[in-house]
Amino acid sequence: MAVSVAHSPAHAETEADRRESVDAARRYLEETFLAVADRAARVGVPLDHVVVEGDSPADDIVQYAHEHGIDLVVVGHHRTRRAGRFLLHGLADRMIAQAEMPVLVVSAESDD
């Protein structure tokens, strides 16, 4: 199961603006997931995708995992700088701190 979060912008002036932003994020996430699903299918891994709405991706993913009995969360970590080899930033760090279940952090090799 892959979970993506369509961010609800707090700065939206109206409910219609917020809904438009969330809908655009949802469409983008669903379209970009197709490439991930294709890669998974090519190696024989079935993969479902759900998009949830929220204001804090780390909190929203952990909450989804808890509510659905998921016992392991896998999160990507982008090592864009040398410090990234040793430090976790952003989403991965917050999920490790908050999750009641194990969190596996996976990162791609960097170019530096």
N, C-alpha and C. Protein backbone atom coordinates (compact mmCIF):
# COMPACT_ATOMS: atom_id res chain seq x y z
N MET A 1 0.84 -1.17 0.00
CA MET A 1 0.00 0.00 0.00
C MET A 1 0.89 1.24 0.00
N ALA A 2 0.66 2.11 -0.93
CA ALA A 2 1.36 3.39 -0.98
C ALA A 2 0.38 4.48 -0.56
N VAL A 3 0.83 5.36 0.32
CA VAL A 3 0.00 6.45 0.80
C VAL A 3 0.66 7.77 0.44
N SER A 4 -0.11 8.64 -0.19
CA SER A 4 0.35 9.99 -0.51
C SER A 4 -0.57 10.98 0.20
N VAL A 5 -0.05 12.17 0.50
CA VAL A 5 -0.85 13.18 1.18
C VAL A 5 -1.03 14.38 0.27
N ALA A 6 -2.30 14.69 -0.01
CA ALA A 6 -2.65 15.91 -0.74
C ALA A 6 -2.77 17.01 0.31
N HIS A 7 -1.81 17.89 0.32
CA HIS A 7 -1.70 18.93 1.34
C HIS A 7 -2.84 19.93 1.24
N SER A 8 -3.46 20.22 2.38
CA SER A 8 -4.50 21.24 2.46
C SER A 8 -3.83 22.55 2.85
N PRO A 9 -3.72 23.50 1.93
CA PRO A 9 -2.99 24.73 2.23
C PRO A 9 -3.72 25.60 3.25
N ALA A 10 -3.02 25.94 4.31
CA ALA A 10 -3.61 26.78 5.35
C ALA A 10 -3.78 28.22 4.86
N HIS A 11 -3.01 28.61 3.85
CA HIS A 11 -3.05 29.99 3.37
C HIS A 11 -4.16 30.27 2.36
N ALA A 12 -4.93 29.26 2.00
CA ALA A 12 -6.00 29.46 1.02
C ALA A 12 -7.02 30.46 1.57
N GLU A 13 -7.42 31.40 0.72
CA GLU A 13 -8.32 32.45 1.16
C GLU A 13 -9.75 31.97 1.34
N THR A 14 -10.18 31.04 0.50
CA THR A 14 -11.55 30.55 0.59
C THR A 14 -11.55 29.02 0.57
N GLU A 15 -12.67 28.45 0.94
CA GLU A 15 -12.81 27.00 0.88
C GLU A 15 -12.67 26.51 -0.55
N ALA A 16 -13.18 27.30 -1.51
CA ALA A 16 -13.06 26.92 -2.92
C ALA A 16 -11.59 26.90 -3.35
N ASP A 17 -10.79 27.87 -2.88
CA ASP A 17 -9.35 27.88 -3.19
C ASP A 17 -8.66 26.66 -2.59
N ARG A 18 -9.01 26.34 -1.35
CA ARG A 18 -8.41 25.18 -0.69
C ARG A 18 -8.77 23.90 -1.44
N ARG A 19 -10.03 23.76 -1.81
CA ARG A 19 -10.50 22.56 -2.52
C ARG A 19 -9.80 22.45 -3.87
N GLU A 20 -9.63 23.57 -4.57
CA GLU A 20 -8.95 23.55 -5.87
C GLU A 20 -7.50 23.08 -5.72
N SER A 21 -6.82 23.57 -4.68
CA SER A 21 -5.43 23.18 -4.44
C SER A 21 -5.32 21.70 -4.10
N VAL A 22 -6.22 21.22 -3.25
CA VAL A 22 -6.20 19.81 -2.86
C VAL A 22 -6.52 18.92 -4.06
N ASP A 23 -7.50 19.32 -4.86
CA ASP A 23 -7.85 18.52 -6.05
C ASP A 23 -6.69 18.46 -7.04
N ALA A 24 -5.99 19.59 -7.22
CA ALA A 24 -4.84 19.61 -8.13
C ALA A 24 -3.73 18.70 -7.58
N ALA A 25 -3.50 18.75 -6.28
CA ALA A 25 -2.48 17.88 -5.66
C ALA A 25 -2.86 16.42 -5.82
N ARG A 26 -4.13 16.11 -5.61
CA ARG A 26 -4.62 14.73 -5.75
C ARG A 26 -4.39 14.22 -7.18
N ARG A 27 -4.73 15.04 -8.18
CA ARG A 27 -4.52 14.63 -9.58
C ARG A 27 -3.04 14.39 -9.86
N TYR A 28 -2.19 15.29 -9.40
CA TYR A 28 -0.74 15.14 -9.60
C TYR A 28 -0.23 13.85 -8.96
N LEU A 29 -0.63 13.60 -7.71
CA LEU A 29 -0.18 12.40 -7.01
C LEU A 29 -0.65 11.12 -7.69
N GLU A 30 -1.89 11.12 -8.15
CA GLU A 30 -2.41 9.94 -8.83
C GLU A 30 -1.70 9.71 -10.17
N GLU A 31 -1.41 10.79 -10.89
CA GLU A 31 -0.72 10.65 -12.18
C GLU A 31 0.72 10.19 -11.99
N THR A 32 1.43 10.77 -11.03
CA THR A 32 2.82 10.39 -10.83
C THR A 32 2.96 9.00 -10.24
N PHE A 33 1.94 8.54 -9.52
CA PHE A 33 1.99 7.20 -8.95
C PHE A 33 1.98 6.13 -10.03
N LEU A 34 1.43 6.44 -11.19
CA LEU A 34 1.37 5.45 -12.26
C LEU A 34 2.75 4.91 -12.61
N ALA A 35 3.76 5.77 -12.59
CA ALA A 35 5.13 5.32 -12.88
C ALA A 35 5.63 4.38 -11.79
N VAL A 36 5.29 4.67 -10.54
CA VAL A 36 5.69 3.81 -9.42
C VAL A 36 5.00 2.45 -9.54
N ALA A 37 3.71 2.48 -9.82
CA ALA A 37 2.95 1.22 -9.96
C ALA A 37 3.50 0.39 -11.11
N ASP A 38 3.89 1.05 -12.18
CA ASP A 38 4.46 0.33 -13.33
C ASP A 38 5.77 -0.36 -12.95
N ARG A 39 6.64 0.36 -12.25
CA ARG A 39 7.92 -0.23 -11.81
C ARG A 39 7.68 -1.41 -10.89
N ALA A 40 6.73 -1.27 -9.97
CA ALA A 40 6.42 -2.36 -9.05
C ALA A 40 5.87 -3.57 -9.80
N ALA A 41 4.99 -3.32 -10.74
CA ALA A 41 4.38 -4.42 -11.52
C ALA A 41 5.44 -5.18 -12.31
N ARG A 42 6.44 -4.46 -12.84
CA ARG A 42 7.49 -5.11 -13.64
C ARG A 42 8.32 -6.09 -12.82
N VAL A 43 8.38 -5.91 -11.50
CA VAL A 43 9.13 -6.84 -10.65
C VAL A 43 8.19 -7.74 -9.85
N GLY A 44 6.90 -7.74 -10.22
CA GLY A 44 5.95 -8.65 -9.63
C GLY A 44 5.40 -8.25 -8.28
N VAL A 45 5.42 -6.97 -7.98
CA VAL A 45 4.90 -6.49 -6.69
C VAL A 45 3.61 -5.73 -6.93
N PRO A 46 2.48 -6.27 -6.48
CA PRO A 46 1.23 -5.52 -6.61
C PRO A 46 1.24 -4.34 -5.64
N LEU A 47 0.73 -3.22 -6.07
CA LEU A 47 0.81 -2.01 -5.24
C LEU A 47 -0.46 -1.20 -5.39
N ASP A 48 -1.14 -1.00 -4.27
CA ASP A 48 -2.32 -0.14 -4.25
C ASP A 48 -1.90 1.24 -3.78
N HIS A 49 -2.70 2.23 -4.11
CA HIS A 49 -2.37 3.61 -3.77
C HIS A 49 -3.60 4.30 -3.20
N VAL A 50 -3.39 5.05 -2.14
CA VAL A 50 -4.45 5.86 -1.57
C VAL A 50 -3.90 7.27 -1.35
N VAL A 51 -4.73 8.26 -1.62
CA VAL A 51 -4.37 9.65 -1.37
C VAL A 51 -5.26 10.15 -0.24
N VAL A 52 -4.62 10.64 0.82
CA VAL A 52 -5.36 11.23 1.93
C VAL A 52 -5.11 12.73 1.93
N GLU A 53 -6.05 13.48 2.49
CA GLU A 53 -5.89 14.92 2.61
C GLU A 53 -5.40 15.25 4.00
N GLY A 54 -4.54 16.25 4.10
CA GLY A 54 -4.05 16.64 5.41
C GLY A 54 -3.13 17.83 5.37
N ASP A 55 -2.74 18.26 6.56
CA ASP A 55 -1.88 19.43 6.71
C ASP A 55 -0.44 19.06 7.08
N SER A 56 -0.25 17.85 7.56
CA SER A 56 1.08 17.42 8.00
C SER A 56 1.33 16.01 7.49
N PRO A 57 2.08 15.86 6.40
CA PRO A 57 2.27 14.54 5.81
C PRO A 57 2.75 13.47 6.78
N ALA A 58 3.70 13.79 7.65
CA ALA A 58 4.18 12.79 8.60
C ALA A 58 3.06 12.32 9.51
N ASP A 59 2.33 13.26 10.09
CA ASP A 59 1.22 12.91 10.97
C ASP A 59 0.15 12.13 10.22
N ASP A 60 -0.17 12.59 9.02
CA ASP A 60 -1.25 11.97 8.25
C ASP A 60 -0.92 10.54 7.83
N ILE A 61 0.32 10.30 7.46
CA ILE A 61 0.72 8.94 7.07
C ILE A 61 0.75 8.02 8.28
N VAL A 62 1.30 8.51 9.40
CA VAL A 62 1.33 7.69 10.61
C VAL A 62 -0.09 7.38 11.08
N GLN A 63 -0.97 8.36 11.02
CA GLN A 63 -2.37 8.13 11.42
C GLN A 63 -3.03 7.10 10.52
N TYR A 64 -2.81 7.21 9.21
CA TYR A 64 -3.38 6.24 8.27
C TYR A 64 -2.86 4.83 8.60
N ALA A 65 -1.56 4.72 8.82
CA ALA A 65 -0.96 3.42 9.12
C ALA A 65 -1.56 2.84 10.39
N HIS A 66 -1.71 3.66 11.40
CA HIS A 66 -2.28 3.20 12.67
C HIS A 66 -3.73 2.75 12.48
N GLU A 67 -4.53 3.55 11.79
CA GLU A 67 -5.95 3.23 11.59
C GLU A 67 -6.17 1.97 10.76
N HIS A 68 -5.21 1.64 9.89
CA HIS A 68 -5.37 0.49 8.99
C HIS A 68 -4.51 -0.71 9.38
N GLY A 69 -3.93 -0.68 10.56
CA GLY A 69 -3.18 -1.83 11.05
C GLY A 69 -1.91 -2.12 10.28
N ILE A 70 -1.31 -1.11 9.72
CA ILE A 70 -0.05 -1.30 8.97
C ILE A 70 1.08 -1.45 9.98
N ASP A 71 1.89 -2.49 9.80
CA ASP A 71 2.90 -2.77 10.81
C ASP A 71 4.32 -2.35 10.42
N LEU A 72 4.50 -1.78 9.25
CA LEU A 72 5.80 -1.25 8.84
C LEU A 72 5.55 -0.12 7.85
N VAL A 73 6.22 1.01 8.09
CA VAL A 73 6.13 2.15 7.18
C VAL A 73 7.49 2.30 6.51
N VAL A 74 7.49 2.40 5.20
CA VAL A 74 8.71 2.62 4.44
C VAL A 74 8.64 4.03 3.87
N VAL A 75 9.67 4.81 4.12
CA VAL A 75 9.68 6.21 3.67
C VAL A 75 10.99 6.48 2.94
N GLY A 76 10.91 7.28 1.90
CA GLY A 76 12.10 7.64 1.14
C GLY A 76 12.82 8.81 1.77
N HIS A 77 14.12 8.84 1.55
CA HIS A 77 14.98 9.92 2.05
C HIS A 77 15.90 10.33 0.92
N HIS A 78 15.85 11.59 0.54
CA HIS A 78 16.69 12.09 -0.54
C HIS A 78 17.95 12.70 0.04
N ARG A 79 19.08 12.12 -0.31
CA ARG A 79 20.37 12.63 0.16
C ARG A 79 20.89 13.59 -0.88
N THR A 80 20.53 14.84 -0.74
CA THR A 80 20.95 15.81 -1.75
C THR A 80 22.28 16.45 -1.42
N ARG A 81 22.72 16.37 -0.17
CA ARG A 81 24.00 16.94 0.22
C ARG A 81 24.78 15.92 1.02
N ARG A 82 26.05 16.20 1.19
CA ARG A 82 26.89 15.28 1.95
C ARG A 82 26.36 15.05 3.36
N ALA A 83 25.84 16.08 4.00
CA ALA A 83 25.30 15.93 5.35
C ALA A 83 24.14 14.95 5.37
N GLY A 84 23.42 14.83 4.26
CA GLY A 84 22.30 13.92 4.18
C GLY A 84 22.68 12.47 4.33
N ARG A 85 23.96 12.18 4.16
CA ARG A 85 24.41 10.80 4.35
C ARG A 85 24.32 10.39 5.81
N PHE A 86 24.40 11.37 6.69
CA PHE A 86 24.45 11.07 8.12
C PHE A 86 23.23 11.56 8.89
N LEU A 87 22.49 12.49 8.33
CA LEU A 87 21.36 13.08 9.03
C LEU A 87 20.07 12.85 8.26
N LEU A 88 19.01 12.62 9.00
CA LEU A 88 17.68 12.53 8.38
C LEU A 88 16.99 13.86 8.58
N HIS A 89 16.32 14.31 7.55
CA HIS A 89 15.63 15.59 7.62
C HIS A 89 14.17 15.40 7.23
N GLY A 90 13.36 16.32 7.64
CA GLY A 90 12.01 16.41 7.15
C GLY A 90 11.13 15.24 7.51
N LEU A 91 10.43 14.76 6.51
CA LEU A 91 9.41 13.73 6.69
C LEU A 91 9.96 12.48 7.37
N ALA A 92 11.07 11.96 6.91
CA ALA A 92 11.62 10.73 7.48
C ALA A 92 11.90 10.89 8.97
N ASP A 93 12.52 11.99 9.34
CA ASP A 93 12.85 12.24 10.74
C ASP A 93 11.59 12.34 11.59
N ARG A 94 10.59 13.08 11.12
CA ARG A 94 9.34 13.23 11.88
C ARG A 94 8.61 11.90 12.01
N MET A 95 8.63 11.10 10.96
CA MET A 95 7.93 9.81 11.03
C MET A 95 8.60 8.87 12.01
N ILE A 96 9.91 8.84 12.03
CA ILE A 96 10.62 7.99 12.98
C ILE A 96 10.28 8.40 14.40
N ALA A 97 10.22 9.70 14.65
CA ALA A 97 9.93 10.20 15.99
C ALA A 97 8.49 9.92 16.42
N GLN A 98 7.54 9.90 15.49
CA GLN A 98 6.13 9.83 15.84
C GLN A 98 5.51 8.45 15.71
N ALA A 99 6.03 7.62 14.85
CA ALA A 99 5.36 6.35 14.54
C ALA A 99 5.44 5.36 15.70
N GLU A 100 4.34 4.63 15.90
CA GLU A 100 4.31 3.57 16.90
C GLU A 100 4.78 2.25 16.31
N MET A 101 4.93 2.22 14.99
CA MET A 101 5.38 1.02 14.30
C MET A 101 6.78 1.30 13.72
N PRO A 102 7.50 0.26 13.32
CA PRO A 102 8.82 0.49 12.73
C PRO A 102 8.73 1.32 11.45
N VAL A 103 9.76 2.13 11.24
CA VAL A 103 9.87 2.95 10.02
C VAL A 103 11.19 2.59 9.35
N LEU A 104 11.10 2.13 8.12
CA LEU A 104 12.28 1.79 7.32
C LEU A 104 12.55 2.95 6.38
N VAL A 105 13.74 3.52 6.46
CA VAL A 105 14.10 4.65 5.62
C VAL A 105 14.97 4.13 4.48
N VAL A 106 14.55 4.44 3.25
CA VAL A 106 15.24 4.00 2.05
C VAL A 106 15.71 5.24 1.30
N SER A 107 16.95 5.26 0.87
CA SER A 107 17.43 6.41 0.11
C SER A 107 18.15 5.94 -1.15
N ALA A 108 18.05 6.79 -2.15
CA ALA A 108 18.76 6.53 -3.40
C ALA A 108 20.18 7.05 -3.26
N GLU A 109 21.05 6.53 -4.08
CA GLU A 109 22.42 7.03 -4.05
C GLU A 109 22.44 8.45 -4.57
N SER A 110 23.29 9.27 -3.99
CA SER A 110 23.40 10.65 -4.44
C SER A 110 24.58 10.77 -5.41
N ASP A 111 24.63 11.91 -6.07
CA ASP A 111 25.67 12.15 -7.06
C ASP A 111 26.94 12.76 -6.47
N ASP A 112 26.90 13.16 -5.16
CA ASP A 112 28.08 13.88 -4.65
C ASP A 112 29.09 12.99 -4.00
